[in-house]
């Protein structure tokens, strides 16, 4: 008996196009600096803005220096961040000093200071995790007062969702963070006391998407003006 001939393998499909590798997320959301419509002034502004954003989360010196210009309330309150490297899921804390600016008339931390610094602390955490290519805006903020705070306040920030998968989409998203507010230890025989809880929801948008929306809105306004003229 003669054996059946071996099947002839199919010829490789040369018409199939290879899918190019996906770009990193930071490149996908970053505006095209080589776009001739941006102009050299626009490119310069974008580079300066990105540099300033990175410096604002580098350390407390740059954070205080930039807050003096862009966030005068945060500068006056004296809020500072501390903690481990967030790229390793380290703990993130912010400390608000028990200064005259933050006190009320009966020598305790003012409720307005505790509430306002909740937004600042949560925003600092989100911005530090997302990077300089995003804008962070608070959509909802609530604070539950438990007891008066008669010392420096510590904000411990914990996100309710995992940030990395949301950033990896390259799209805008909402994220909620919970904060436990404690009265810091001043004397050796003292212990940290829980003075409040805060929940904040932030809307995070890539700056490239934000600029594209502004440009589209400007085009619509220009078209309306042309029709009226």
N, C-alpha and C. Protein backbone atom coordinates (compact mmCIF):
# COMPACT_ATOMS: atom_id res chain seq x y z
N UNK A 1 0.84 -1.19 0.00
CA UNK A 1 0.00 0.00 0.00
C UNK A 1 0.88 1.24 0.00
N UNK A 2 0.49 2.20 -0.80
CA UNK A 2 1.26 3.45 -0.88
C UNK A 2 0.68 4.44 0.11
N UNK A 3 1.56 5.12 0.82
CA UNK A 3 1.10 6.11 1.81
C UNK A 3 0.58 7.36 1.11
N UNK A 4 -0.39 8.00 1.80
CA UNK A 4 -0.97 9.23 1.23
C UNK A 4 0.07 10.33 1.21
N UNK A 5 0.05 11.14 0.15
CA UNK A 5 1.04 12.24 0.09
C UNK A 5 0.84 13.23 1.23
N UNK A 6 1.95 13.76 1.71
CA UNK A 6 1.89 14.74 2.82
C UNK A 6 1.20 16.01 2.33
N UNK A 7 0.38 16.61 3.19
CA UNK A 7 -0.32 17.85 2.77
C UNK A 7 0.67 18.98 2.55
N UNK A 8 0.37 19.76 1.54
CA UNK A 8 1.23 20.90 1.22
C UNK A 8 0.86 22.06 2.13
N UNK A 9 1.80 22.60 2.87
CA UNK A 9 1.46 23.72 3.78
C UNK A 9 0.99 24.93 2.99
N UNK A 10 0.08 25.66 3.61
CA UNK A 10 -0.44 26.87 2.97
C UNK A 10 0.65 27.92 2.86
N UNK A 11 0.60 28.62 1.75
CA UNK A 11 1.59 29.70 1.54
C UNK A 11 1.30 30.84 2.51
N UNK A 12 2.32 31.49 3.02
CA UNK A 12 2.08 32.61 3.95
C UNK A 12 1.31 33.74 3.27
N UNK A 13 0.40 34.32 4.07
CA UNK A 13 -0.43 35.41 3.56
C UNK A 13 0.38 36.70 3.61
N UNK A 14 0.80 37.13 2.43
CA UNK A 14 1.63 38.34 2.35
C UNK A 14 0.81 39.61 2.28
N UNK A 15 -0.52 39.44 2.14
CA UNK A 15 -1.37 40.63 2.04
C UNK A 15 -1.80 41.15 3.41
N UNK A 16 -1.59 40.36 4.46
CA UNK A 16 -2.01 40.78 5.78
C UNK A 16 -1.05 41.83 6.32
N UNK A 17 -1.61 42.91 6.82
CA UNK A 17 -0.80 43.98 7.36
C UNK A 17 -0.56 43.75 8.85
N UNK A 18 0.66 43.97 9.26
CA UNK A 18 0.98 43.81 10.66
C UNK A 18 0.46 45.01 11.44
N UNK A 19 -0.10 44.71 12.61
CA UNK A 19 -0.62 45.78 13.47
C UNK A 19 0.55 46.46 14.16
N UNK A 20 0.67 47.77 14.02
CA UNK A 20 1.78 48.46 14.66
C UNK A 20 1.65 48.38 16.17
N UNK A 21 2.76 48.35 16.90
CA UNK A 21 2.68 48.29 18.36
C UNK A 21 2.02 49.52 18.93
N UNK A 22 1.27 49.29 20.00
CA UNK A 22 0.56 50.40 20.63
C UNK A 22 1.54 51.37 21.25
N UNK A 23 1.23 52.65 21.13
CA UNK A 23 2.08 53.66 21.73
C UNK A 23 1.88 53.69 23.24
N UNK A 24 2.89 54.09 23.98
CA UNK A 24 2.67 54.26 25.42
C UNK A 24 1.57 55.28 25.67
N UNK A 25 0.92 55.13 26.82
CA UNK A 25 -0.20 56.01 27.14
C UNK A 25 0.25 57.46 27.19
N UNK A 26 1.44 57.71 27.72
CA UNK A 26 1.90 59.09 27.82
C UNK A 26 2.05 59.73 26.46
N UNK A 27 2.37 58.94 25.42
CA UNK A 27 2.46 59.48 24.07
C UNK A 27 1.07 59.62 23.46
N UNK A 28 0.16 58.73 23.82
CA UNK A 28 -1.18 58.80 23.24
C UNK A 28 -1.93 60.03 23.70
N UNK A 29 -1.72 60.44 24.96
CA UNK A 29 -2.46 61.58 25.48
C UNK A 29 -1.71 62.88 25.31
N UNK A 30 -0.43 62.81 24.95
CA UNK A 30 0.37 64.02 24.84
C UNK A 30 0.07 64.72 23.52
N UNK A 31 -0.12 66.02 23.51
CA UNK A 31 -0.39 66.72 22.25
C UNK A 31 0.79 66.64 21.30
N UNK A 32 0.49 66.63 20.04
CA UNK A 32 1.54 66.52 19.03
C UNK A 32 2.27 67.85 18.93
N UNK A 33 3.48 67.88 19.44
CA UNK A 33 4.25 69.12 19.43
C UNK A 33 4.77 69.45 18.03
N UNK A 34 4.72 68.48 17.12
CA UNK A 34 5.17 68.72 15.76
C UNK A 34 4.04 69.22 14.86
N UNK A 35 2.87 69.39 15.41
CA UNK A 35 1.74 69.87 14.63
C UNK A 35 1.99 71.31 14.22
N UNK A 36 2.05 71.62 12.92
CA UNK A 36 2.35 72.99 12.51
C UNK A 36 1.28 73.99 12.91
N UNK A 37 0.03 73.51 13.17
CA UNK A 37 -1.03 74.43 13.55
C UNK A 37 -0.87 74.95 14.97
N UNK A 38 -0.08 74.26 15.78
CA UNK A 38 0.11 74.70 17.16
C UNK A 38 0.92 75.97 17.21
N UNK A 39 1.97 76.05 16.40
CA UNK A 39 2.82 77.23 16.41
C UNK A 39 3.89 77.13 17.49
N UNK A 40 4.95 77.90 17.31
CA UNK A 40 6.06 77.79 18.25
C UNK A 40 5.70 78.35 19.62
N UNK A 41 4.81 79.34 19.67
CA UNK A 41 4.38 79.87 20.96
C UNK A 41 3.57 78.83 21.73
N UNK A 42 2.67 78.15 21.03
CA UNK A 42 1.88 77.10 21.67
C UNK A 42 2.75 75.96 22.16
N UNK A 43 3.75 75.58 21.37
CA UNK A 43 4.65 74.51 21.79
C UNK A 43 5.42 74.91 23.04
N UNK A 44 5.88 76.16 23.07
CA UNK A 44 6.63 76.64 24.23
C UNK A 44 5.76 76.66 25.47
N UNK A 45 4.52 77.11 25.34
CA UNK A 45 3.60 77.14 26.48
C UNK A 45 3.33 75.74 26.99
N UNK A 46 3.15 74.78 26.09
CA UNK A 46 2.88 73.42 26.50
C UNK A 46 4.07 72.82 27.24
N UNK A 47 5.28 73.10 26.76
CA UNK A 47 6.47 72.57 27.44
C UNK A 47 6.63 73.19 28.83
N UNK A 48 6.40 74.49 28.93
CA UNK A 48 6.51 75.16 30.22
C UNK A 48 5.45 74.63 31.19
N UNK A 49 4.23 74.47 30.69
CA UNK A 49 3.15 73.96 31.53
C UNK A 49 3.46 72.56 32.04
N UNK A 50 4.00 71.70 31.18
CA UNK A 50 4.35 70.34 31.59
C UNK A 50 5.47 70.34 32.61
N UNK A 51 6.44 71.21 32.42
CA UNK A 51 7.56 71.29 33.36
C UNK A 51 7.09 71.77 34.72
N UNK A 52 6.25 72.81 34.74
CA UNK A 52 5.74 73.34 36.00
C UNK A 52 4.89 72.29 36.72
N UNK A 53 4.08 71.54 35.98
CA UNK A 53 3.24 70.51 36.58
C UNK A 53 4.09 69.43 37.24
N UNK A 54 5.17 69.04 36.58
CA UNK A 54 6.04 68.02 37.16
C UNK A 54 6.73 68.52 38.41
N UNK A 55 7.18 69.76 38.38
CA UNK A 55 7.87 70.32 39.54
C UNK A 55 6.94 70.43 40.74
N UNK A 56 5.65 70.70 40.49
CA UNK A 56 4.72 70.91 41.59
C UNK A 56 4.53 69.67 42.44
N UNK A 57 4.82 68.48 41.89
CA UNK A 57 4.69 67.24 42.66
C UNK A 57 6.04 66.61 42.98
N UNK A 58 7.11 67.30 42.67
CA UNK A 58 8.44 66.73 42.90
C UNK A 58 8.78 66.74 44.38
N UNK A 59 8.64 67.87 45.04
CA UNK A 59 8.89 67.98 46.47
C UNK A 59 8.13 69.18 47.01
N UNK A 60 8.20 69.36 48.32
CA UNK A 60 7.43 70.42 48.97
C UNK A 60 7.96 71.82 48.64
N UNK A 61 9.24 71.93 48.33
CA UNK A 61 9.78 73.24 47.98
C UNK A 61 9.12 73.77 46.72
N UNK A 62 9.09 72.93 45.67
CA UNK A 62 8.48 73.37 44.42
C UNK A 62 6.98 73.48 44.55
N UNK A 63 6.39 72.60 45.35
CA UNK A 63 4.94 72.69 45.56
C UNK A 63 4.57 74.02 46.21
N UNK A 64 5.31 74.43 47.24
CA UNK A 64 5.04 75.69 47.91
C UNK A 64 5.30 76.88 46.98
N UNK A 65 6.38 76.79 46.20
CA UNK A 65 6.73 77.90 45.32
C UNK A 65 5.67 78.11 44.25
N UNK A 66 5.18 77.03 43.65
CA UNK A 66 4.18 77.13 42.59
C UNK A 66 2.81 77.47 43.17
N UNK A 67 2.50 76.94 44.38
CA UNK A 67 1.24 77.27 45.02
C UNK A 67 1.15 78.75 45.37
N UNK A 68 2.28 79.36 45.64
CA UNK A 68 2.29 80.80 45.94
C UNK A 68 1.71 81.62 44.79
N UNK A 69 1.87 81.11 43.56
CA UNK A 69 1.37 81.81 42.37
C UNK A 69 -0.03 81.33 41.98
N UNK A 70 -0.22 80.00 41.92
CA UNK A 70 -1.45 79.45 41.36
C UNK A 70 -2.47 79.03 42.41
N UNK A 71 -2.04 78.69 43.62
CA UNK A 71 -2.96 78.25 44.67
C UNK A 71 -2.67 79.02 45.96
N UNK A 72 -3.06 80.29 46.01
CA UNK A 72 -2.71 81.10 47.19
C UNK A 72 -3.31 80.56 48.49
N UNK A 73 -4.52 79.95 48.43
CA UNK A 73 -5.13 79.40 49.64
C UNK A 73 -4.29 78.24 50.18
N UNK A 74 -3.85 77.35 49.29
CA UNK A 74 -3.01 76.23 49.72
C UNK A 74 -1.67 76.74 50.27
N UNK A 75 -1.15 77.79 49.66
CA UNK A 75 0.11 78.36 50.15
C UNK A 75 -0.07 78.94 51.54
N UNK A 76 -1.16 79.69 51.77
CA UNK A 76 -1.39 80.31 53.08
C UNK A 76 -1.66 79.25 54.15
N UNK A 77 -2.36 78.19 53.78
CA UNK A 77 -2.66 77.14 54.77
C UNK A 77 -1.42 76.36 55.16
N UNK A 78 -0.41 76.32 54.27
CA UNK A 78 0.84 75.63 54.59
C UNK A 78 0.79 74.12 54.42
N UNK A 79 -0.18 73.59 53.66
CA UNK A 79 -0.29 72.15 53.49
C UNK A 79 0.94 71.59 52.78
N UNK A 80 1.42 70.44 53.27
CA UNK A 80 2.58 69.77 52.69
C UNK A 80 2.27 68.28 52.57
N UNK A 81 2.86 67.65 51.56
CA UNK A 81 2.65 66.21 51.41
C UNK A 81 3.88 65.46 51.90
N UNK A 82 3.63 64.26 52.37
CA UNK A 82 4.71 63.38 52.79
C UNK A 82 4.28 61.95 52.52
N UNK A 83 5.21 61.03 52.54
CA UNK A 83 4.89 59.64 52.27
C UNK A 83 5.93 59.00 51.38
N UNK A 84 5.65 57.79 50.95
CA UNK A 84 6.58 57.01 50.16
C UNK A 84 6.36 57.29 48.68
N UNK A 85 7.16 56.60 47.87
CA UNK A 85 7.03 56.73 46.42
C UNK A 85 5.70 56.12 45.99
N UNK A 86 4.84 56.92 45.36
CA UNK A 86 3.51 56.44 45.00
C UNK A 86 3.55 55.44 43.86
N UNK A 87 4.64 55.40 43.10
CA UNK A 87 4.74 54.39 42.04
C UNK A 87 4.82 52.98 42.63
N UNK A 88 5.13 52.89 43.93
CA UNK A 88 5.19 51.60 44.62
C UNK A 88 4.01 51.43 45.57
N UNK A 89 2.94 52.17 45.31
CA UNK A 89 1.73 52.12 46.13
C UNK A 89 2.04 52.46 47.58
N UNK A 90 2.89 53.43 47.78
CA UNK A 90 3.21 53.85 49.13
C UNK A 90 2.11 54.69 49.73
N UNK A 91 2.18 54.88 51.02
CA UNK A 91 1.18 55.67 51.72
C UNK A 91 1.37 57.15 51.41
N UNK A 92 0.25 57.84 51.23
CA UNK A 92 0.29 59.26 50.91
C UNK A 92 -0.40 60.03 52.01
N UNK A 93 0.31 61.00 52.58
CA UNK A 93 -0.23 61.82 53.64
C UNK A 93 0.05 63.29 53.36
N UNK A 94 -0.87 64.13 53.80
CA UNK A 94 -0.67 65.58 53.78
C UNK A 94 -0.83 66.11 55.19
N UNK A 95 -0.04 67.11 55.52
CA UNK A 95 -0.06 67.69 56.85
C UNK A 95 -0.40 69.18 56.74
N UNK A 96 -1.37 69.62 57.54
CA UNK A 96 -1.76 71.02 57.60
C UNK A 96 -1.35 71.55 58.97
N UNK A 97 -0.49 72.56 59.05
CA UNK A 97 -0.01 73.05 60.35
C UNK A 97 -1.12 73.75 61.13
N UNK A 98 -0.95 73.76 62.44
CA UNK A 98 -1.90 74.42 63.33
C UNK A 98 -1.49 75.88 63.48
N UNK A 99 -1.66 76.62 62.38
CA UNK A 99 -1.20 78.00 62.32
C UNK A 99 -2.36 78.96 62.56
N UNK A 100 -2.03 80.22 62.72
CA UNK A 100 -3.05 81.23 62.96
C UNK A 100 -4.02 81.33 61.79
N UNK A 101 -3.53 81.16 60.58
CA UNK A 101 -4.40 81.26 59.39
C UNK A 101 -5.46 80.17 59.40
N UNK A 102 -5.15 78.99 59.95
CA UNK A 102 -6.07 77.86 59.93
C UNK A 102 -6.95 77.76 61.17
N UNK A 103 -6.76 78.61 62.17
CA UNK A 103 -7.53 78.53 63.41
C UNK A 103 -8.80 79.36 63.32
N UNK A 104 -9.78 78.99 64.15
CA UNK A 104 -10.98 79.79 64.28
C UNK A 104 -10.92 80.60 65.57
N UNK A 105 -12.03 81.23 65.93
CA UNK A 105 -12.01 82.18 67.05
C UNK A 105 -11.86 81.50 68.41
N UNK A 106 -12.16 80.16 68.52
CA UNK A 106 -11.98 79.50 69.81
C UNK A 106 -10.76 78.56 69.80
N UNK A 107 -9.76 78.92 68.98
CA UNK A 107 -8.44 78.30 69.01
C UNK A 107 -8.47 76.81 68.64
N UNK A 108 -9.24 76.46 67.64
CA UNK A 108 -9.24 75.12 67.06
C UNK A 108 -9.11 75.25 65.55
N UNK A 109 -8.82 74.14 64.89
CA UNK A 109 -8.72 74.18 63.43
C UNK A 109 -10.08 74.52 62.83
N UNK A 110 -10.11 75.55 62.01
CA UNK A 110 -11.38 75.99 61.43
C UNK A 110 -11.97 74.93 60.52
N UNK A 111 -13.30 74.81 60.55
CA UNK A 111 -13.96 73.84 59.69
C UNK A 111 -13.73 74.12 58.22
N UNK A 112 -13.69 75.40 57.85
CA UNK A 112 -13.43 75.75 56.45
C UNK A 112 -12.04 75.30 56.02
N UNK A 113 -11.07 75.39 56.93
CA UNK A 113 -9.71 74.96 56.61
C UNK A 113 -9.66 73.44 56.44
N UNK A 114 -10.34 72.71 57.32
CA UNK A 114 -10.37 71.25 57.20
C UNK A 114 -11.03 70.81 55.90
N UNK A 115 -12.13 71.47 55.54
CA UNK A 115 -12.85 71.10 54.32
C UNK A 115 -12.05 71.46 53.07
N UNK A 116 -11.54 72.69 53.02
CA UNK A 116 -10.82 73.13 51.83
C UNK A 116 -9.56 72.31 51.60
N UNK A 117 -8.85 71.99 52.67
CA UNK A 117 -7.62 71.21 52.51
C UNK A 117 -7.90 69.75 52.17
N UNK A 118 -9.14 69.29 52.39
CA UNK A 118 -9.50 67.95 51.90
C UNK A 118 -9.44 67.90 50.38
N UNK A 119 -9.98 68.93 49.74
CA UNK A 119 -9.90 69.00 48.27
C UNK A 119 -8.46 69.10 47.80
N UNK A 120 -7.65 69.91 48.49
CA UNK A 120 -6.25 70.07 48.08
C UNK A 120 -5.49 68.77 48.25
N UNK A 121 -5.69 68.08 49.38
CA UNK A 121 -4.97 66.84 49.64
C UNK A 121 -5.35 65.76 48.63
N UNK A 122 -6.66 65.60 48.37
CA UNK A 122 -7.08 64.61 47.38
C UNK A 122 -6.60 64.94 45.99
N UNK A 123 -6.65 66.23 45.62
CA UNK A 123 -6.16 66.63 44.30
C UNK A 123 -4.67 66.43 44.14
N UNK A 124 -3.90 66.68 45.20
CA UNK A 124 -2.46 66.46 45.14
C UNK A 124 -2.14 64.98 44.91
N UNK A 125 -2.90 64.11 45.58
CA UNK A 125 -2.68 62.67 45.40
C UNK A 125 -2.98 62.24 43.96
N UNK A 126 -4.16 62.64 43.44
CA UNK A 126 -4.54 62.24 42.08
C UNK A 126 -3.55 62.79 41.06
N UNK A 127 -3.19 64.06 41.21
CA UNK A 127 -2.28 64.68 40.25
C UNK A 127 -0.90 64.03 40.29
N UNK A 128 -0.46 63.64 41.49
CA UNK A 128 0.84 62.99 41.61
C UNK A 128 0.83 61.61 40.98
N UNK A 129 -0.30 60.91 41.05
CA UNK A 129 -0.39 59.58 40.47
C UNK A 129 -0.59 59.62 38.96
N UNK A 130 -1.38 60.57 38.46
CA UNK A 130 -1.70 60.63 37.03
C UNK A 130 -0.58 61.27 36.22
N UNK A 131 0.07 62.28 36.75
CA UNK A 131 1.15 62.93 36.01
C UNK A 131 0.75 64.27 35.45
N UNK A 132 1.70 64.88 34.77
CA UNK A 132 1.55 66.26 34.32
C UNK A 132 0.71 66.41 33.06
N UNK A 133 0.30 65.30 32.43
CA UNK A 133 -0.48 65.38 31.19
C UNK A 133 -1.99 65.38 31.45
N UNK A 134 -2.40 65.55 32.71
CA UNK A 134 -3.81 65.53 33.04
C UNK A 134 -4.20 66.77 33.84
N UNK A 135 -5.47 67.16 33.72
CA UNK A 135 -6.05 68.18 34.59
C UNK A 135 -6.98 67.47 35.58
N UNK A 136 -7.00 67.96 36.80
CA UNK A 136 -7.77 67.34 37.88
C UNK A 136 -8.73 68.39 38.44
N UNK A 137 -10.04 68.09 38.41
CA UNK A 137 -11.07 69.01 38.90
C UNK A 137 -11.95 68.26 39.88
N UNK A 138 -12.23 68.89 41.03
CA UNK A 138 -13.09 68.27 42.04
C UNK A 138 -14.56 68.46 41.65
N UNK A 139 -15.31 67.35 41.63
CA UNK A 139 -16.74 67.38 41.28
C UNK A 139 -17.63 67.32 42.51
N UNK A 140 -17.20 66.60 43.52
CA UNK A 140 -18.02 66.42 44.72
C UNK A 140 -17.10 66.30 45.93
N UNK A 141 -17.51 66.94 47.03
CA UNK A 141 -16.71 66.93 48.25
C UNK A 141 -17.63 66.93 49.45
N UNK A 142 -17.37 66.02 50.36
CA UNK A 142 -18.13 65.99 51.61
C UNK A 142 -17.19 65.71 52.78
N UNK A 143 -17.54 66.27 53.93
CA UNK A 143 -16.70 66.14 55.12
C UNK A 143 -17.60 65.85 56.31
N UNK A 144 -17.21 64.87 57.11
CA UNK A 144 -17.95 64.52 58.33
C UNK A 144 -17.10 64.89 59.53
N UNK A 145 -17.58 65.86 60.28
CA UNK A 145 -16.86 66.31 61.48
C UNK A 145 -17.15 65.35 62.64
N UNK A 146 -16.09 64.89 63.29
CA UNK A 146 -16.24 63.96 64.42
C UNK A 146 -15.89 64.63 65.75
N UNK A 147 -14.87 65.47 65.76
CA UNK A 147 -14.49 66.18 66.98
C UNK A 147 -13.61 67.36 66.59
N UNK A 148 -13.45 68.35 67.47
CA UNK A 148 -12.58 69.49 67.14
C UNK A 148 -11.13 69.06 66.99
N UNK A 149 -10.43 69.74 66.12
CA UNK A 149 -9.00 69.49 65.89
C UNK A 149 -8.22 70.64 66.52
N UNK A 150 -7.43 70.34 67.55
CA UNK A 150 -6.67 71.37 68.27
C UNK A 150 -5.17 71.15 68.09
N UNK A 151 -4.80 70.73 66.91
CA UNK A 151 -3.39 70.53 66.57
C UNK A 151 -3.25 70.38 65.08
N UNK A 152 -2.05 70.11 64.59
CA UNK A 152 -1.86 69.88 63.15
C UNK A 152 -2.73 68.74 62.64
N UNK A 153 -3.24 68.87 61.43
CA UNK A 153 -4.13 67.87 60.85
C UNK A 153 -3.37 67.02 59.83
N UNK A 154 -3.59 65.72 59.90
CA UNK A 154 -2.98 64.78 58.96
C UNK A 154 -4.08 64.19 58.08
N UNK A 155 -3.88 64.24 56.77
CA UNK A 155 -4.82 63.68 55.79
C UNK A 155 -4.20 62.42 55.20
N UNK A 156 -4.83 61.30 55.41
CA UNK A 156 -4.39 60.03 54.82
C UNK A 156 -5.34 59.68 53.69
N UNK A 157 -4.81 59.63 52.49
CA UNK A 157 -5.62 59.50 51.27
C UNK A 157 -5.60 58.06 50.79
N UNK A 158 -6.79 57.51 50.52
CA UNK A 158 -6.92 56.14 50.00
C UNK A 158 -7.88 56.19 48.82
N UNK A 159 -7.46 55.78 47.61
CA UNK A 159 -8.38 55.78 46.46
C UNK A 159 -9.34 54.60 46.52
N UNK A 160 -10.55 54.80 46.03
CA UNK A 160 -11.53 53.72 45.99
C UNK A 160 -11.36 52.86 44.75
N UNK A 161 -10.75 53.40 43.69
CA UNK A 161 -10.50 52.62 42.48
C UNK A 161 -9.00 52.59 42.19
N UNK A 162 -8.62 51.60 41.39
CA UNK A 162 -7.23 51.50 40.95
C UNK A 162 -7.00 52.51 39.84
N UNK A 163 -6.03 53.39 40.02
CA UNK A 163 -5.84 54.50 39.08
C UNK A 163 -5.17 54.05 37.79
N UNK A 164 -4.21 53.13 37.88
CA UNK A 164 -3.42 52.77 36.69
C UNK A 164 -4.27 52.29 35.51
N UNK A 165 -5.25 51.39 35.69
CA UNK A 165 -6.08 50.99 34.53
C UNK A 165 -6.87 52.15 33.94
N UNK A 166 -7.30 53.10 34.77
CA UNK A 166 -8.03 54.25 34.25
C UNK A 166 -7.12 55.15 33.43
N UNK A 167 -5.90 55.34 33.89
CA UNK A 167 -4.95 56.15 33.14
C UNK A 167 -4.57 55.46 31.83
N UNK A 168 -4.48 54.13 31.86
CA UNK A 168 -4.06 53.37 30.68
C UNK A 168 -5.04 53.50 29.52
N UNK A 169 -6.29 53.85 29.79
CA UNK A 169 -7.26 54.00 28.70
C UNK A 169 -6.97 55.24 27.85
N UNK A 170 -6.27 56.21 28.42
CA UNK A 170 -6.00 57.45 27.69
C UNK A 170 -7.21 58.35 27.56
N UNK A 171 -8.28 58.03 28.27
CA UNK A 171 -9.52 58.81 28.19
C UNK A 171 -9.75 59.50 29.54
N UNK A 172 -10.75 60.39 29.60
CA UNK A 172 -11.08 61.04 30.85
C UNK A 172 -11.86 60.08 31.74
N UNK A 173 -11.81 60.32 33.04
CA UNK A 173 -12.47 59.41 33.97
C UNK A 173 -12.73 60.14 35.29
N UNK A 174 -13.60 59.53 36.10
CA UNK A 174 -13.86 59.99 37.46
C UNK A 174 -13.24 59.03 38.45
N UNK A 175 -12.76 59.56 39.56
CA UNK A 175 -12.19 58.71 40.59
C UNK A 175 -12.52 59.31 41.95
N UNK A 176 -12.82 58.45 42.90
CA UNK A 176 -13.19 58.86 44.25
C UNK A 176 -12.11 58.44 45.23
N UNK A 177 -11.77 59.34 46.13
CA UNK A 177 -10.79 59.05 47.17
C UNK A 177 -11.42 59.31 48.53
N UNK A 178 -11.02 58.50 49.50
CA UNK A 178 -11.45 58.69 50.88
C UNK A 178 -10.25 59.17 51.69
N UNK A 179 -10.54 60.07 52.62
CA UNK A 179 -9.48 60.62 53.45
C UNK A 179 -9.86 60.52 54.91
N UNK A 180 -8.94 60.02 55.70
CA UNK A 180 -9.08 60.02 57.14
C UNK A 180 -8.27 61.18 57.70
N UNK A 181 -8.92 62.04 58.49
CA UNK A 181 -8.24 63.22 59.03
C UNK A 181 -7.97 62.99 60.51
N UNK A 182 -6.72 63.12 60.89
CA UNK A 182 -6.28 62.86 62.25
C UNK A 182 -5.64 64.10 62.84
N UNK A 183 -5.72 64.22 64.16
CA UNK A 183 -4.97 65.26 64.87
C UNK A 183 -3.60 64.72 65.18
N UNK A 184 -2.57 65.39 64.71
CA UNK A 184 -1.20 64.90 64.86
C UNK A 184 -0.76 64.94 66.31
N UNK A 185 0.21 64.09 66.60
CA UNK A 185 0.78 64.03 67.94
C UNK A 185 1.73 65.20 68.13
N UNK A 186 1.55 65.93 69.21
CA UNK A 186 2.42 67.06 69.53
C UNK A 186 3.32 66.73 70.71
N UNK A 187 2.74 66.10 71.74
CA UNK A 187 3.50 65.72 72.93
C UNK A 187 3.72 64.21 72.94
N UNK A 188 4.67 63.77 73.75
CA UNK A 188 5.02 62.36 73.78
C UNK A 188 3.89 61.50 74.32
N UNK A 189 3.13 61.99 75.27
CA UNK A 189 2.08 61.19 75.88
C UNK A 189 0.76 61.25 75.11
N UNK A 190 0.75 61.94 73.96
CA UNK A 190 -0.46 62.03 73.17
C UNK A 190 -0.51 60.92 72.13
N UNK A 191 -1.68 60.75 71.54
CA UNK A 191 -1.86 59.81 70.44
C UNK A 191 -2.70 60.47 69.36
N UNK A 192 -2.60 59.95 68.15
CA UNK A 192 -3.38 60.51 67.05
C UNK A 192 -4.88 60.29 67.31
N UNK A 193 -5.65 61.34 67.05
CA UNK A 193 -7.08 61.26 67.23
C UNK A 193 -7.78 61.53 65.91
N UNK A 194 -8.76 60.71 65.61
CA UNK A 194 -9.53 60.89 64.38
C UNK A 194 -10.50 62.06 64.57
N UNK A 195 -10.36 63.07 63.75
CA UNK A 195 -11.20 64.26 63.88
C UNK A 195 -12.21 64.39 62.75
N UNK A 196 -12.08 63.61 61.68
CA UNK A 196 -13.04 63.72 60.59
C UNK A 196 -12.78 62.73 59.48
N UNK A 197 -13.72 62.66 58.56
CA UNK A 197 -13.61 61.83 57.36
C UNK A 197 -14.08 62.65 56.17
N UNK A 198 -13.44 62.44 55.05
CA UNK A 198 -13.80 63.19 53.85
C UNK A 198 -13.82 62.26 52.64
N UNK A 199 -14.75 62.52 51.73
CA UNK A 199 -14.85 61.78 50.47
C UNK A 199 -14.89 62.81 49.34
N UNK A 200 -14.04 62.63 48.36
CA UNK A 200 -13.96 63.57 47.24
C UNK A 200 -13.96 62.80 45.93
N UNK A 201 -14.70 63.31 44.96
CA UNK A 201 -14.73 62.74 43.61
C UNK A 201 -14.11 63.74 42.65
N UNK A 202 -13.14 63.29 41.86
CA UNK A 202 -12.43 64.15 40.93
C UNK A 202 -12.67 63.69 39.50
N UNK A 203 -12.75 64.66 38.61
CA UNK A 203 -12.83 64.39 37.17
C UNK A 203 -11.46 64.67 36.56
N UNK A 204 -10.90 63.65 35.93
CA UNK A 204 -9.55 63.72 35.38
C UNK A 204 -9.62 63.68 33.86
N UNK A 205 -9.01 64.68 33.22
CA UNK A 205 -9.07 64.81 31.76
C UNK A 205 -7.68 64.98 31.19
N UNK A 206 -7.32 64.26 30.11
CA UNK A 206 -6.04 64.53 29.44
C UNK A 206 -6.00 65.96 28.92
N UNK A 207 -4.88 66.62 29.07
CA UNK A 207 -4.76 68.00 28.63
C UNK A 207 -4.92 68.12 27.11
N UNK A 208 -4.50 67.11 26.37
CA UNK A 208 -4.67 67.15 24.92
C UNK A 208 -6.15 67.16 24.55
N UNK A 209 -6.96 66.39 25.28
CA UNK A 209 -8.40 66.38 25.03
C UNK A 209 -9.02 67.72 25.42
N UNK A 210 -8.56 68.29 26.51
CA UNK A 210 -9.07 69.58 26.95
C UNK A 210 -8.75 70.67 25.92
N UNK A 211 -7.53 70.66 25.38
CA UNK A 211 -7.17 71.65 24.37
C UNK A 211 -7.98 71.46 23.09
N UNK A 212 -8.22 70.20 22.72
CA UNK A 212 -9.00 69.94 21.51
C UNK A 212 -10.43 70.46 21.66
N UNK A 213 -11.01 70.32 22.84
CA UNK A 213 -12.35 70.84 23.07
C UNK A 213 -12.37 72.36 23.00
N UNK A 214 -11.36 72.99 23.58
CA UNK A 214 -11.30 74.45 23.52
C UNK A 214 -11.16 74.94 22.09
N UNK A 215 -10.32 74.24 21.29
CA UNK A 215 -10.16 74.64 19.89
C UNK A 215 -11.46 74.46 19.12
N UNK A 216 -12.19 73.37 19.40
CA UNK A 216 -13.46 73.14 18.71
C UNK A 216 -14.48 74.19 19.10
N UNK A 217 -14.49 74.57 20.38
CA UNK A 217 -15.41 75.60 20.83
C UNK A 217 -15.07 76.95 20.20
N UNK A 218 -13.78 77.23 20.06
CA UNK A 218 -13.38 78.48 19.42
C UNK A 218 -13.80 78.51 17.96
N UNK A 219 -13.71 77.36 17.29
CA UNK A 219 -14.16 77.30 15.89
C UNK A 219 -15.66 77.55 15.78
N UNK A 220 -16.43 77.01 16.72
CA UNK A 220 -17.88 77.23 16.69
C UNK A 220 -18.21 78.70 16.92
N UNK A 221 -17.50 79.32 17.87
CA UNK A 221 -17.74 80.73 18.14
C UNK A 221 -17.36 81.59 16.93
N UNK A 222 -16.25 81.23 16.26
CA UNK A 222 -15.85 81.97 15.08
C UNK A 222 -16.86 81.81 13.95
N UNK A 223 -17.41 80.59 13.80
CA UNK A 223 -18.42 80.37 12.76
C UNK A 223 -19.70 81.15 13.04
N UNK A 224 -20.10 81.21 14.32
CA UNK A 224 -21.29 81.98 14.67
C UNK A 224 -21.05 83.48 14.40
N UNK A 225 -19.89 83.96 14.74
CA UNK A 225 -19.57 85.37 14.51
C UNK A 225 -19.57 85.69 13.02
N UNK A 226 -19.06 84.73 12.21
CA UNK A 226 -19.03 84.95 10.76
C UNK A 226 -20.44 84.98 10.19
N UNK A 227 -21.35 84.14 10.71
CA UNK A 227 -22.73 84.13 10.23
C UNK A 227 -23.46 85.41 10.62
N UNK A 228 -23.17 85.91 11.82
CA UNK A 228 -23.81 87.13 12.25
C UNK A 228 -23.27 88.34 11.47
N UNK A 229 -21.98 88.27 11.08
CA UNK A 229 -21.40 89.38 10.35
C UNK A 229 -21.79 89.35 8.90
